[in-house]
Amino acid sequence: MKRFLIILSALAVSLGAWAQGGVEVLRAMSQRVAELAPYRIEFSLEMPGAESGSDGYCLVDGERYVIGIEELRQGYDGESVWTVNGLNSEITLDEPKPQSRSLFDNPTRAFDFEEGMFEIVGFDEGGGGVWKVVLRPAEGVLDGIERVVLEVSRATNLPTLLGYDMGGVGLFVRIKKFAHTTPTDGDFAQPVIEGFEVIDFR
C-alpha cells in the first residue's frame, strides 16, 4: 500500500510539471504576441480531405481587426462588425463578440487562453522546433469546438499552428508569417462597394 501511494505521489508531481510546461509556453507566447502589436498574420486554412488550403490574412490593432479568406472579409472598426461576402455581393453589419476566443469571430483574442476558460489536457515538447499544447475549452467558450491544438515555435515563441477539433472534424490555421505592422484607420473601415446589398443585423 505504501509503495502504491509513493507511485501516485510521483505521478502527481509528473503531471504537475507536464501541465506547468504548457502554462509557461502559453505565457511566453502571450507576451511575444503583445510585444508585436499591432500585428499582421498570413496563414493557410486547411481541412482534412481538401486538395489544398485557402490563403488568408489577419490584421489586429487593439480591439480592431480585419480577417480575409478568399471571397470573405470581416472586420471590426470599433463600432460594428462588417462582413463582405463577394460570392453573394453582400455586406452585413452586426454586433461584436468581444468575449469570443475564435479566430473567425474575434481574432483579437484568438491567442488568449485565459485560465479558467481553458484546461491544458496535453503538452508535448515535440520535434521540429515546436511545442504542442492541447486545450479543452470550458463550456460556452467555443461552442462546437471540443479541443484547441496550438503549436508554438521554440525559436520565436510565436504560434505556428492553431487547430480546432469539432467532434473529430479538424480545421487548421497554419501560420506562415506573424509580424508587427503599422495599420491605418482605413484598414478597418467598413467598405463601400457599389452594387453590394447592405444587411444590418444590429
N, C-alpha and C. Protein backbone atom coordinates (compact mmCIF):
# COMPACT_ATOMS: atom_id res chain seq x y z
N MET A 1 0.83 -1.20 0.00
CA MET A 1 0.00 0.00 0.00
C MET A 1 0.87 1.26 0.00
N LYS A 2 1.92 1.24 0.85
CA LYS A 2 2.81 2.39 0.93
C LYS A 2 3.49 2.64 -0.41
N ARG A 3 3.91 1.55 -1.06
CA ARG A 3 4.57 1.67 -2.37
C ARG A 3 3.61 2.27 -3.40
N PHE A 4 2.36 1.85 -3.34
CA PHE A 4 1.33 2.36 -4.26
C PHE A 4 1.15 3.86 -4.08
N LEU A 5 1.13 4.33 -2.82
CA LEU A 5 0.97 5.77 -2.53
C LEU A 5 2.18 6.56 -3.04
N ILE A 6 3.36 5.97 -2.93
CA ILE A 6 4.56 6.63 -3.43
C ILE A 6 4.48 6.81 -4.95
N ILE A 7 3.98 5.77 -5.64
CA ILE A 7 3.83 5.83 -7.11
C ILE A 7 2.82 6.92 -7.48
N LEU A 8 1.70 6.98 -6.75
CA LEU A 8 0.68 8.00 -7.02
C LEU A 8 1.25 9.40 -6.80
N SER A 9 2.03 9.56 -5.75
CA SER A 9 2.63 10.85 -5.45
C SER A 9 3.59 11.28 -6.55
N ALA A 10 4.40 10.34 -7.03
CA ALA A 10 5.34 10.64 -8.12
C ALA A 10 4.60 11.00 -9.39
N LEU A 11 3.49 10.30 -9.65
CA LEU A 11 2.69 10.58 -10.84
C LEU A 11 2.09 11.98 -10.78
N ALA A 12 1.61 12.37 -9.60
CA ALA A 12 1.03 13.71 -9.43
C ALA A 12 2.07 14.79 -9.70
N VAL A 13 3.29 14.58 -9.21
CA VAL A 13 4.37 15.55 -9.44
C VAL A 13 4.67 15.65 -10.92
N SER A 14 4.71 14.47 -11.60
CA SER A 14 4.98 14.43 -13.04
C SER A 14 3.91 15.16 -13.82
N LEU A 15 2.64 14.93 -13.49
CA LEU A 15 1.54 15.59 -14.18
C LEU A 15 1.57 17.10 -13.94
N GLY A 16 1.96 17.49 -12.71
CA GLY A 16 2.05 18.91 -12.40
C GLY A 16 3.10 19.59 -13.25
N ALA A 17 4.25 18.95 -13.40
CA ALA A 17 5.33 19.50 -14.22
C ALA A 17 4.92 19.57 -15.68
N TRP A 18 4.21 18.55 -16.14
CA TRP A 18 3.72 18.49 -17.52
C TRP A 18 2.78 19.65 -17.81
N ALA A 19 1.82 19.89 -16.90
CA ALA A 19 0.87 20.99 -17.07
C ALA A 19 1.58 22.33 -16.99
N GLN A 20 2.54 22.45 -16.08
CA GLN A 20 3.27 23.70 -15.91
C GLN A 20 4.04 24.07 -17.17
N GLY A 21 4.56 23.04 -17.87
CA GLY A 21 5.26 23.29 -19.12
C GLY A 21 4.36 23.97 -20.13
N GLY A 22 3.11 23.51 -20.22
CA GLY A 22 2.15 24.13 -21.13
C GLY A 22 1.82 25.55 -20.73
N VAL A 23 1.68 25.78 -19.41
CA VAL A 23 1.39 27.12 -18.90
C VAL A 23 2.51 28.09 -19.27
N GLU A 24 3.74 27.65 -19.12
CA GLU A 24 4.89 28.51 -19.42
C GLU A 24 4.96 28.84 -20.91
N VAL A 25 4.65 27.88 -21.76
CA VAL A 25 4.65 28.13 -23.20
C VAL A 25 3.57 29.15 -23.55
N LEU A 26 2.37 29.00 -23.00
CA LEU A 26 1.28 29.93 -23.27
C LEU A 26 1.63 31.33 -22.78
N ARG A 27 2.26 31.42 -21.63
CA ARG A 27 2.64 32.72 -21.07
C ARG A 27 3.68 33.41 -21.96
N ALA A 28 4.68 32.66 -22.40
CA ALA A 28 5.72 33.23 -23.26
C ALA A 28 5.14 33.66 -24.60
N MET A 29 4.23 32.85 -25.15
CA MET A 29 3.60 33.19 -26.42
C MET A 29 2.77 34.46 -26.29
N SER A 30 1.98 34.55 -25.22
CA SER A 30 1.13 35.72 -24.99
C SER A 30 1.96 37.00 -24.90
N GLN A 31 3.09 36.92 -24.21
CA GLN A 31 3.97 38.07 -24.07
C GLN A 31 4.55 38.48 -25.41
N ARG A 32 4.97 37.50 -26.20
CA ARG A 32 5.56 37.80 -27.51
C ARG A 32 4.54 38.40 -28.46
N VAL A 33 3.32 37.89 -28.46
CA VAL A 33 2.26 38.44 -29.31
C VAL A 33 1.99 39.89 -28.92
N ALA A 34 1.93 40.17 -27.61
CA ALA A 34 1.68 41.53 -27.13
C ALA A 34 2.80 42.48 -27.57
N GLU A 35 4.03 41.99 -27.59
CA GLU A 35 5.17 42.82 -27.99
C GLU A 35 5.09 43.23 -29.46
N LEU A 36 4.48 42.40 -30.29
CA LEU A 36 4.42 42.66 -31.72
C LEU A 36 3.24 43.56 -32.11
N ALA A 37 2.29 43.75 -31.22
CA ALA A 37 1.09 44.50 -31.56
C ALA A 37 1.42 45.95 -31.96
N PRO A 38 0.67 46.48 -32.96
CA PRO A 38 -0.29 45.79 -33.83
C PRO A 38 0.44 44.85 -34.80
N TYR A 39 -0.25 43.79 -35.20
CA TYR A 39 0.42 42.77 -36.00
C TYR A 39 -0.45 42.28 -37.16
N ARG A 40 0.23 41.65 -38.11
CA ARG A 40 -0.43 41.04 -39.27
C ARG A 40 -0.02 39.57 -39.32
N ILE A 41 -1.01 38.72 -39.57
CA ILE A 41 -0.77 37.28 -39.70
C ILE A 41 -1.13 36.86 -41.12
N GLU A 42 -0.28 36.07 -41.73
CA GLU A 42 -0.61 35.43 -43.00
C GLU A 42 -0.67 33.93 -42.75
N PHE A 43 -1.73 33.29 -43.25
CA PHE A 43 -1.93 31.89 -42.93
C PHE A 43 -2.57 31.13 -44.08
N SER A 44 -2.59 29.80 -43.90
CA SER A 44 -3.29 28.91 -44.83
C SER A 44 -4.32 28.12 -44.02
N LEU A 45 -5.56 28.13 -44.46
CA LEU A 45 -6.63 27.40 -43.78
C LEU A 45 -6.74 26.02 -44.40
N GLU A 46 -6.57 24.98 -43.55
CA GLU A 46 -6.53 23.61 -44.06
C GLU A 46 -7.61 22.75 -43.39
N MET A 47 -8.20 21.85 -44.19
CA MET A 47 -9.17 20.88 -43.68
C MET A 47 -8.82 19.51 -44.24
N PRO A 48 -8.95 18.45 -43.43
CA PRO A 48 -8.67 17.10 -43.93
C PRO A 48 -9.55 16.79 -45.14
N GLY A 49 -8.93 16.24 -46.16
CA GLY A 49 -9.68 15.88 -47.36
C GLY A 49 -9.66 16.94 -48.44
N ALA A 50 -9.33 18.16 -48.07
CA ALA A 50 -9.28 19.23 -49.06
C ALA A 50 -7.99 19.10 -49.87
N GLU A 51 -8.08 19.38 -51.16
CA GLU A 51 -6.91 19.24 -52.03
C GLU A 51 -5.83 20.26 -51.70
N SER A 52 -6.24 21.45 -51.32
CA SER A 52 -5.27 22.48 -50.98
C SER A 52 -5.89 23.43 -49.96
N GLY A 53 -5.03 24.19 -49.29
CA GLY A 53 -5.51 25.14 -48.31
C GLY A 53 -5.96 26.44 -48.95
N SER A 54 -6.66 27.25 -48.17
CA SER A 54 -7.09 28.57 -48.61
C SER A 54 -6.24 29.61 -47.91
N ASP A 55 -5.62 30.50 -48.68
CA ASP A 55 -4.78 31.52 -48.08
C ASP A 55 -5.63 32.62 -47.45
N GLY A 56 -5.14 33.15 -46.33
CA GLY A 56 -5.84 34.22 -45.66
C GLY A 56 -4.88 35.12 -44.92
N TYR A 57 -5.44 36.19 -44.37
CA TYR A 57 -4.62 37.12 -43.58
C TYR A 57 -5.47 37.69 -42.46
N CYS A 58 -4.82 38.24 -41.47
CA CYS A 58 -5.50 38.84 -40.34
C CYS A 58 -4.67 40.03 -39.84
N LEU A 59 -5.34 41.13 -39.58
CA LEU A 59 -4.69 42.34 -39.09
C LEU A 59 -5.35 42.72 -37.78
N VAL A 60 -4.56 42.91 -36.71
CA VAL A 60 -5.10 43.20 -35.38
C VAL A 60 -4.43 44.45 -34.81
N ASP A 61 -5.26 45.37 -34.32
CA ASP A 61 -4.77 46.58 -33.66
C ASP A 61 -5.71 46.89 -32.49
N GLY A 62 -5.29 46.52 -31.28
CA GLY A 62 -6.18 46.69 -30.12
C GLY A 62 -7.41 45.81 -30.27
N GLU A 63 -8.60 46.42 -30.21
CA GLU A 63 -9.85 45.69 -30.39
C GLU A 63 -10.28 45.63 -31.84
N ARG A 64 -9.63 46.41 -32.69
CA ARG A 64 -10.00 46.43 -34.11
C ARG A 64 -9.29 45.30 -34.86
N TYR A 65 -9.96 44.80 -35.88
CA TYR A 65 -9.35 43.74 -36.67
C TYR A 65 -9.96 43.67 -38.06
N VAL A 66 -9.28 42.98 -38.94
CA VAL A 66 -9.84 42.57 -40.23
C VAL A 66 -9.23 41.22 -40.57
N ILE A 67 -10.06 40.31 -41.06
CA ILE A 67 -9.60 38.98 -41.45
C ILE A 67 -10.21 38.65 -42.80
N GLY A 68 -9.41 38.10 -43.69
CA GLY A 68 -9.89 37.79 -45.03
C GLY A 68 -9.47 36.40 -45.47
N ILE A 69 -10.42 35.68 -46.08
CA ILE A 69 -10.17 34.35 -46.64
C ILE A 69 -10.92 34.27 -47.96
N GLU A 70 -10.20 34.25 -49.06
CA GLU A 70 -10.77 34.18 -50.40
C GLU A 70 -11.83 35.29 -50.58
N GLU A 71 -13.11 34.93 -50.83
CA GLU A 71 -14.13 35.92 -51.13
C GLU A 71 -14.78 36.53 -49.88
N LEU A 72 -14.34 36.10 -48.71
CA LEU A 72 -14.93 36.60 -47.46
C LEU A 72 -13.93 37.51 -46.74
N ARG A 73 -14.48 38.61 -46.20
CA ARG A 73 -13.66 39.53 -45.42
C ARG A 73 -14.51 40.08 -44.29
N GLN A 74 -13.95 40.07 -43.09
CA GLN A 74 -14.69 40.56 -41.92
C GLN A 74 -13.80 41.49 -41.12
N GLY A 75 -14.40 42.54 -40.57
CA GLY A 75 -13.62 43.48 -39.78
C GLY A 75 -14.45 44.13 -38.69
N TYR A 76 -13.74 44.72 -37.75
CA TYR A 76 -14.38 45.49 -36.67
C TYR A 76 -13.68 46.83 -36.61
N ASP A 77 -14.46 47.90 -36.80
CA ASP A 77 -13.89 49.25 -36.86
C ASP A 77 -13.95 49.99 -35.53
N GLY A 78 -14.39 49.29 -34.48
CA GLY A 78 -14.55 49.93 -33.18
C GLY A 78 -15.99 50.18 -32.83
N GLU A 79 -16.88 50.03 -33.82
CA GLU A 79 -18.31 50.24 -33.61
C GLU A 79 -19.14 49.05 -34.05
N SER A 80 -18.89 48.58 -35.26
CA SER A 80 -19.69 47.48 -35.82
C SER A 80 -18.79 46.45 -36.49
N VAL A 81 -19.26 45.22 -36.48
CA VAL A 81 -18.60 44.16 -37.26
C VAL A 81 -19.21 44.15 -38.65
N TRP A 82 -18.39 44.28 -39.66
CA TRP A 82 -18.87 44.22 -41.03
C TRP A 82 -18.28 42.99 -41.72
N THR A 83 -19.08 42.38 -42.58
CA THR A 83 -18.64 41.19 -43.32
C THR A 83 -18.96 41.38 -44.79
N VAL A 84 -17.95 41.22 -45.62
CA VAL A 84 -18.13 41.32 -47.07
C VAL A 84 -18.13 39.91 -47.64
N ASN A 85 -19.21 39.56 -48.32
CA ASN A 85 -19.33 38.27 -48.99
C ASN A 85 -19.32 38.53 -50.49
N GLY A 86 -18.17 38.32 -51.10
CA GLY A 86 -18.04 38.59 -52.52
C GLY A 86 -18.86 37.65 -53.39
N LEU A 87 -19.13 36.44 -52.88
CA LEU A 87 -19.91 35.48 -53.67
C LEU A 87 -21.36 35.91 -53.79
N ASN A 88 -21.91 36.50 -52.71
CA ASN A 88 -23.32 36.92 -52.70
C ASN A 88 -23.50 38.41 -52.91
N SER A 89 -22.39 39.13 -53.09
CA SER A 89 -22.44 40.59 -53.25
C SER A 89 -23.20 41.24 -52.10
N GLU A 90 -22.82 40.85 -50.87
CA GLU A 90 -23.49 41.37 -49.68
C GLU A 90 -22.47 41.92 -48.67
N ILE A 91 -22.92 42.93 -47.94
CA ILE A 91 -22.18 43.42 -46.78
C ILE A 91 -23.14 43.38 -45.60
N THR A 92 -22.78 42.62 -44.56
CA THR A 92 -23.63 42.54 -43.37
C THR A 92 -22.97 43.30 -42.22
N LEU A 93 -23.82 43.89 -41.35
CA LEU A 93 -23.37 44.62 -40.18
C LEU A 93 -23.92 43.93 -38.94
N ASP A 94 -23.09 43.76 -37.92
CA ASP A 94 -23.52 43.04 -36.73
C ASP A 94 -22.78 43.59 -35.51
N GLU A 95 -23.19 43.10 -34.32
CA GLU A 95 -22.55 43.48 -33.08
C GLU A 95 -21.26 42.67 -32.89
N PRO A 96 -20.25 43.24 -32.23
CA PRO A 96 -19.00 42.49 -31.98
C PRO A 96 -19.20 41.41 -30.93
N LYS A 97 -18.27 40.46 -30.89
CA LYS A 97 -18.27 39.39 -29.89
C LYS A 97 -16.96 39.49 -29.10
N PRO A 98 -16.87 40.45 -28.19
CA PRO A 98 -15.59 40.72 -27.51
C PRO A 98 -15.08 39.58 -26.64
N GLN A 99 -15.97 38.67 -26.20
CA GLN A 99 -15.54 37.58 -25.34
C GLN A 99 -15.14 36.33 -26.12
N SER A 100 -15.41 36.30 -27.42
CA SER A 100 -15.11 35.11 -28.21
C SER A 100 -13.61 34.88 -28.31
N ARG A 101 -13.22 33.60 -28.30
CA ARG A 101 -11.81 33.23 -28.46
C ARG A 101 -11.57 32.58 -29.82
N SER A 102 -12.54 32.68 -30.72
CA SER A 102 -12.41 32.09 -32.04
C SER A 102 -11.72 33.06 -32.99
N LEU A 103 -10.77 32.56 -33.75
CA LEU A 103 -10.08 33.40 -34.73
C LEU A 103 -11.06 33.99 -35.72
N PHE A 104 -12.15 33.29 -36.00
CA PHE A 104 -13.08 33.71 -37.04
C PHE A 104 -14.19 34.61 -36.52
N ASP A 105 -14.34 34.73 -35.22
CA ASP A 105 -15.32 35.63 -34.62
C ASP A 105 -14.67 36.85 -34.00
N ASN A 106 -13.45 36.69 -33.48
CA ASN A 106 -12.75 37.78 -32.80
C ASN A 106 -11.26 37.49 -32.77
N PRO A 107 -10.55 37.80 -33.85
CA PRO A 107 -9.11 37.49 -33.91
C PRO A 107 -8.29 38.16 -32.82
N THR A 108 -8.80 39.24 -32.21
CA THR A 108 -8.02 39.94 -31.20
C THR A 108 -7.78 39.09 -29.96
N ARG A 109 -8.59 38.03 -29.75
CA ARG A 109 -8.43 37.20 -28.56
C ARG A 109 -8.22 35.72 -28.91
N ALA A 110 -7.88 35.45 -30.15
CA ALA A 110 -7.72 34.06 -30.60
C ALA A 110 -6.56 33.35 -29.91
N PHE A 111 -5.59 34.12 -29.40
CA PHE A 111 -4.43 33.51 -28.74
C PHE A 111 -4.43 33.83 -27.24
N ASP A 112 -5.62 34.11 -26.72
CA ASP A 112 -5.80 34.41 -25.30
C ASP A 112 -6.43 33.18 -24.64
N PHE A 113 -5.60 32.39 -23.97
CA PHE A 113 -6.08 31.15 -23.33
C PHE A 113 -6.13 31.35 -21.82
N GLU A 114 -6.99 32.27 -21.42
CA GLU A 114 -7.11 32.65 -20.01
C GLU A 114 -7.45 31.46 -19.13
N GLU A 115 -6.77 31.38 -17.98
CA GLU A 115 -7.01 30.30 -17.04
C GLU A 115 -8.45 30.33 -16.57
N GLY A 116 -9.07 29.17 -16.51
CA GLY A 116 -10.47 29.09 -16.14
C GLY A 116 -11.37 28.96 -17.36
N MET A 117 -10.89 29.46 -18.50
CA MET A 117 -11.64 29.33 -19.75
C MET A 117 -11.13 28.16 -20.57
N PHE A 118 -9.89 27.74 -20.29
CA PHE A 118 -9.29 26.61 -20.99
C PHE A 118 -8.55 25.74 -19.99
N GLU A 119 -8.55 24.44 -20.26
CA GLU A 119 -7.80 23.48 -19.44
C GLU A 119 -6.77 22.80 -20.33
N ILE A 120 -5.53 22.76 -19.89
CA ILE A 120 -4.48 22.08 -20.65
C ILE A 120 -4.64 20.57 -20.47
N VAL A 121 -4.86 19.86 -21.56
CA VAL A 121 -5.05 18.41 -21.50
C VAL A 121 -3.95 17.67 -22.22
N GLY A 122 -3.00 18.39 -22.79
CA GLY A 122 -1.88 17.74 -23.45
C GLY A 122 -0.75 18.72 -23.68
N PHE A 123 0.47 18.25 -23.50
CA PHE A 123 1.65 19.09 -23.75
C PHE A 123 2.77 18.20 -24.24
N ASP A 124 3.36 18.60 -25.37
CA ASP A 124 4.42 17.81 -25.98
C ASP A 124 5.55 18.75 -26.39
N GLU A 125 6.74 18.50 -25.84
CA GLU A 125 7.88 19.33 -26.22
C GLU A 125 8.26 19.08 -27.68
N GLY A 126 7.85 17.91 -28.16
CA GLY A 126 7.87 17.60 -29.59
C GLY A 126 9.16 17.84 -30.33
N GLY A 127 9.08 17.58 -31.62
CA GLY A 127 10.22 17.80 -32.50
C GLY A 127 9.87 18.88 -33.50
N GLY A 128 10.76 19.08 -34.45
CA GLY A 128 10.50 20.09 -35.48
C GLY A 128 10.56 21.51 -34.97
N GLY A 129 11.13 21.70 -33.78
CA GLY A 129 11.30 23.05 -33.27
C GLY A 129 10.05 23.70 -32.72
N VAL A 130 9.03 22.89 -32.37
CA VAL A 130 7.79 23.48 -31.84
C VAL A 130 7.36 22.78 -30.55
N TRP A 131 6.67 23.52 -29.70
CA TRP A 131 5.94 22.95 -28.58
C TRP A 131 4.50 22.74 -29.04
N LYS A 132 3.85 21.72 -28.52
CA LYS A 132 2.45 21.46 -28.85
C LYS A 132 1.63 21.45 -27.56
N VAL A 133 0.61 22.30 -27.51
CA VAL A 133 -0.28 22.39 -26.36
C VAL A 133 -1.70 22.07 -26.81
N VAL A 134 -2.35 21.16 -26.10
CA VAL A 134 -3.74 20.80 -26.40
C VAL A 134 -4.61 21.32 -25.26
N LEU A 135 -5.65 22.06 -25.59
CA LEU A 135 -6.50 22.68 -24.59
C LEU A 135 -7.96 22.29 -24.79
N ARG A 136 -8.68 22.18 -23.68
CA ARG A 136 -10.12 21.92 -23.74
C ARG A 136 -10.84 23.18 -23.25
N PRO A 137 -11.67 23.78 -24.12
CA PRO A 137 -12.37 24.99 -23.69
C PRO A 137 -13.48 24.68 -22.69
N ALA A 138 -13.69 25.58 -21.75
CA ALA A 138 -14.80 25.43 -20.81
C ALA A 138 -16.12 25.58 -21.56
N GLU A 139 -17.18 25.09 -20.99
CA GLU A 139 -18.49 25.13 -21.62
C GLU A 139 -18.87 26.57 -21.96
N GLY A 140 -19.28 26.78 -23.21
CA GLY A 140 -19.71 28.10 -23.65
C GLY A 140 -18.62 29.00 -24.18
N VAL A 141 -17.35 28.57 -24.05
CA VAL A 141 -16.25 29.41 -24.51
C VAL A 141 -16.10 29.34 -26.03
N LEU A 142 -16.12 28.15 -26.58
CA LEU A 142 -16.02 27.94 -28.02
C LEU A 142 -17.06 26.90 -28.42
N ASP A 143 -18.26 27.34 -28.66
CA ASP A 143 -19.36 26.43 -28.97
C ASP A 143 -19.03 25.53 -30.16
N GLY A 144 -19.20 24.22 -29.96
CA GLY A 144 -18.97 23.26 -31.03
C GLY A 144 -17.54 22.79 -31.15
N ILE A 145 -16.62 23.45 -30.44
CA ILE A 145 -15.20 23.08 -30.51
C ILE A 145 -14.82 22.33 -29.24
N GLU A 146 -14.36 21.10 -29.40
CA GLU A 146 -14.05 20.26 -28.25
C GLU A 146 -12.61 20.42 -27.76
N ARG A 147 -11.70 20.69 -28.71
CA ARG A 147 -10.29 20.85 -28.34
C ARG A 147 -9.65 21.91 -29.22
N VAL A 148 -8.66 22.57 -28.66
CA VAL A 148 -7.84 23.51 -29.42
C VAL A 148 -6.41 22.98 -29.42
N VAL A 149 -5.82 22.88 -30.60
CA VAL A 149 -4.44 22.41 -30.72
C VAL A 149 -3.58 23.60 -31.14
N LEU A 150 -2.56 23.86 -30.35
CA LEU A 150 -1.70 25.00 -30.61
C LEU A 150 -0.26 24.55 -30.72
N GLU A 151 0.43 24.98 -31.77
CA GLU A 151 1.86 24.74 -31.90
C GLU A 151 2.58 26.07 -31.85
N VAL A 152 3.64 26.12 -31.06
CA VAL A 152 4.38 27.35 -30.82
C VAL A 152 5.86 27.14 -31.14
N SER A 153 6.44 28.04 -31.90
CA SER A 153 7.85 27.93 -32.26
C SER A 153 8.74 28.09 -31.04
N ARG A 154 9.67 27.17 -30.87
CA ARG A 154 10.62 27.25 -29.76
C ARG A 154 11.61 28.39 -29.98
N ALA A 155 11.82 28.77 -31.22
CA ALA A 155 12.79 29.82 -31.54
C ALA A 155 12.23 31.22 -31.32
N THR A 156 10.93 31.42 -31.63
CA THR A 156 10.35 32.77 -31.59
C THR A 156 9.26 32.95 -30.54
N ASN A 157 8.76 31.85 -29.97
CA ASN A 157 7.63 31.88 -29.04
C ASN A 157 6.34 32.37 -29.71
N LEU A 158 6.29 32.27 -31.02
CA LEU A 158 5.09 32.67 -31.76
C LEU A 158 4.33 31.44 -32.25
N PRO A 159 3.00 31.54 -32.35
CA PRO A 159 2.21 30.40 -32.82
C PRO A 159 2.50 30.10 -34.28
N THR A 160 2.58 28.81 -34.59
CA THR A 160 2.77 28.38 -35.98
C THR A 160 1.56 27.61 -36.50
N LEU A 161 0.72 27.12 -35.58
CA LEU A 161 -0.49 26.39 -35.99
C LEU A 161 -1.55 26.53 -34.90
N LEU A 162 -2.79 26.77 -35.34
CA LEU A 162 -3.94 26.84 -34.46
C LEU A 162 -5.00 25.91 -35.04
N GLY A 163 -5.36 24.88 -34.29
CA GLY A 163 -6.31 23.90 -34.79
C GLY A 163 -7.54 23.80 -33.92
N TYR A 164 -8.70 23.63 -34.56
CA TYR A 164 -9.96 23.45 -33.85
C TYR A 164 -10.51 22.07 -34.16
N ASP A 165 -10.77 21.29 -33.10
CA ASP A 165 -11.34 19.95 -33.24
C ASP A 165 -12.83 20.04 -32.94
N MET A 166 -13.63 19.82 -33.96
CA MET A 166 -15.09 19.92 -33.83
C MET A 166 -15.69 18.53 -33.98
N GLY A 167 -15.67 17.76 -32.91
CA GLY A 167 -16.23 16.43 -32.95
C GLY A 167 -15.54 15.51 -33.92
N GLY A 168 -14.22 15.60 -33.99
CA GLY A 168 -13.45 14.75 -34.89
C GLY A 168 -13.17 15.38 -36.23
N VAL A 169 -13.80 16.51 -36.52
CA VAL A 169 -13.54 17.24 -37.77
C VAL A 169 -12.56 18.36 -37.45
N GLY A 170 -11.43 18.37 -38.11
CA GLY A 170 -10.39 19.34 -37.79
C GLY A 170 -10.37 20.50 -38.77
N LEU A 171 -10.10 21.67 -38.23
CA LEU A 171 -9.90 22.88 -39.02
C LEU A 171 -8.60 23.50 -38.53
N PHE A 172 -7.62 23.66 -39.43
CA PHE A 172 -6.29 24.07 -39.01
C PHE A 172 -5.86 25.36 -39.70
N VAL A 173 -5.34 26.27 -38.90
CA VAL A 173 -4.79 27.52 -39.41
C VAL A 173 -3.28 27.41 -39.30
N ARG A 174 -2.62 27.23 -40.44
CA ARG A 174 -1.16 27.11 -40.45
C ARG A 174 -0.58 28.50 -40.71
N ILE A 175 0.11 29.04 -39.72
CA ILE A 175 0.59 30.42 -39.77
C ILE A 175 1.93 30.49 -40.50
N LYS A 176 1.94 31.28 -41.57
CA LYS A 176 3.14 31.43 -42.38
C LYS A 176 3.99 32.61 -41.93
N LYS A 177 3.32 33.67 -41.46
CA LYS A 177 4.03 34.87 -41.05
C LYS A 177 3.26 35.57 -39.94
N PHE A 178 3.98 36.03 -38.93
CA PHE A 178 3.37 36.73 -37.80
C PHE A 178 4.31 37.89 -37.48
N ALA A 179 3.91 39.12 -37.83
CA ALA A 179 4.86 40.22 -37.74
C ALA A 179 4.18 41.53 -37.35
N HIS A 180 4.96 42.42 -36.76
CA HIS A 180 4.49 43.76 -36.42
C HIS A 180 4.14 44.51 -37.70
N THR A 181 3.15 45.38 -37.62
CA THR A 181 2.77 46.20 -38.77
C THR A 181 2.29 47.55 -38.27
N THR A 182 2.07 48.47 -39.20
CA THR A 182 1.56 49.80 -38.86
C THR A 182 0.31 50.06 -39.68
N PRO A 183 -0.86 49.69 -39.18
CA PRO A 183 -2.09 49.85 -39.94
C PRO A 183 -2.60 51.30 -39.92
N THR A 184 -3.56 51.58 -40.77
CA THR A 184 -4.23 52.88 -40.79
C THR A 184 -5.70 52.67 -40.45
N ASP A 185 -6.41 53.73 -40.14
CA ASP A 185 -7.84 53.62 -39.85
C ASP A 185 -8.60 53.03 -41.02
N GLY A 186 -8.12 53.32 -42.23
CA GLY A 186 -8.80 52.81 -43.42
C GLY A 186 -8.76 51.31 -43.54
N ASP A 187 -7.77 50.66 -42.91
CA ASP A 187 -7.68 49.20 -42.98
C ASP A 187 -8.88 48.53 -42.31
N PHE A 188 -9.48 49.20 -41.32
CA PHE A 188 -10.57 48.59 -40.56
C PHE A 188 -11.94 49.18 -40.91
N ALA A 189 -11.96 50.20 -41.75
CA ALA A 189 -13.21 50.89 -42.06
C ALA A 189 -14.17 50.01 -42.86
N GLN A 190 -15.46 50.18 -42.57
CA GLN A 190 -16.48 49.45 -43.32
C GLN A 190 -16.38 49.82 -44.80
N PRO A 191 -16.22 48.84 -45.68
CA PRO A 191 -16.08 49.14 -47.11
C PRO A 191 -17.40 49.56 -47.74
N VAL A 192 -17.30 50.39 -48.73
CA VAL A 192 -18.45 50.78 -49.54
C VAL A 192 -18.20 50.24 -50.93
N ILE A 193 -19.02 49.29 -51.36
CA ILE A 193 -18.81 48.64 -52.66
C ILE A 193 -20.08 48.80 -53.49
N GLU A 194 -19.95 49.42 -54.61
CA GLU A 194 -21.10 49.67 -55.48
C GLU A 194 -21.74 48.35 -55.93
N GLY A 195 -23.06 48.27 -55.80
CA GLY A 195 -23.78 47.08 -56.23
C GLY A 195 -23.95 46.04 -55.15
N PHE A 196 -23.30 46.22 -53.99
CA PHE A 196 -23.43 45.26 -52.88
C PHE A 196 -24.60 45.67 -51.97
N GLU A 197 -25.42 44.71 -51.62
CA GLU A 197 -26.53 44.94 -50.69
C GLU A 197 -26.00 45.00 -49.27
N VAL A 198 -26.48 45.97 -48.48
CA VAL A 198 -26.08 46.10 -47.08
C VAL A 198 -27.21 45.59 -46.20
N ILE A 199 -26.89 44.59 -45.34
CA ILE A 199 -27.88 43.99 -44.44
C ILE A 199 -27.45 44.28 -43.01
N ASP A 200 -28.32 44.93 -42.22
CA ASP A 200 -27.98 45.36 -40.88
C ASP A 200 -28.68 44.48 -39.84
N PHE A 201 -27.89 43.71 -39.06
CA PHE A 201 -28.43 42.82 -38.01
C PHE A 201 -28.29 43.45 -36.61
N ARG A 202 -27.82 44.67 -36.52
CA ARG A 202 -27.58 45.28 -35.21
C ARG A 202 -28.90 45.62 -34.50
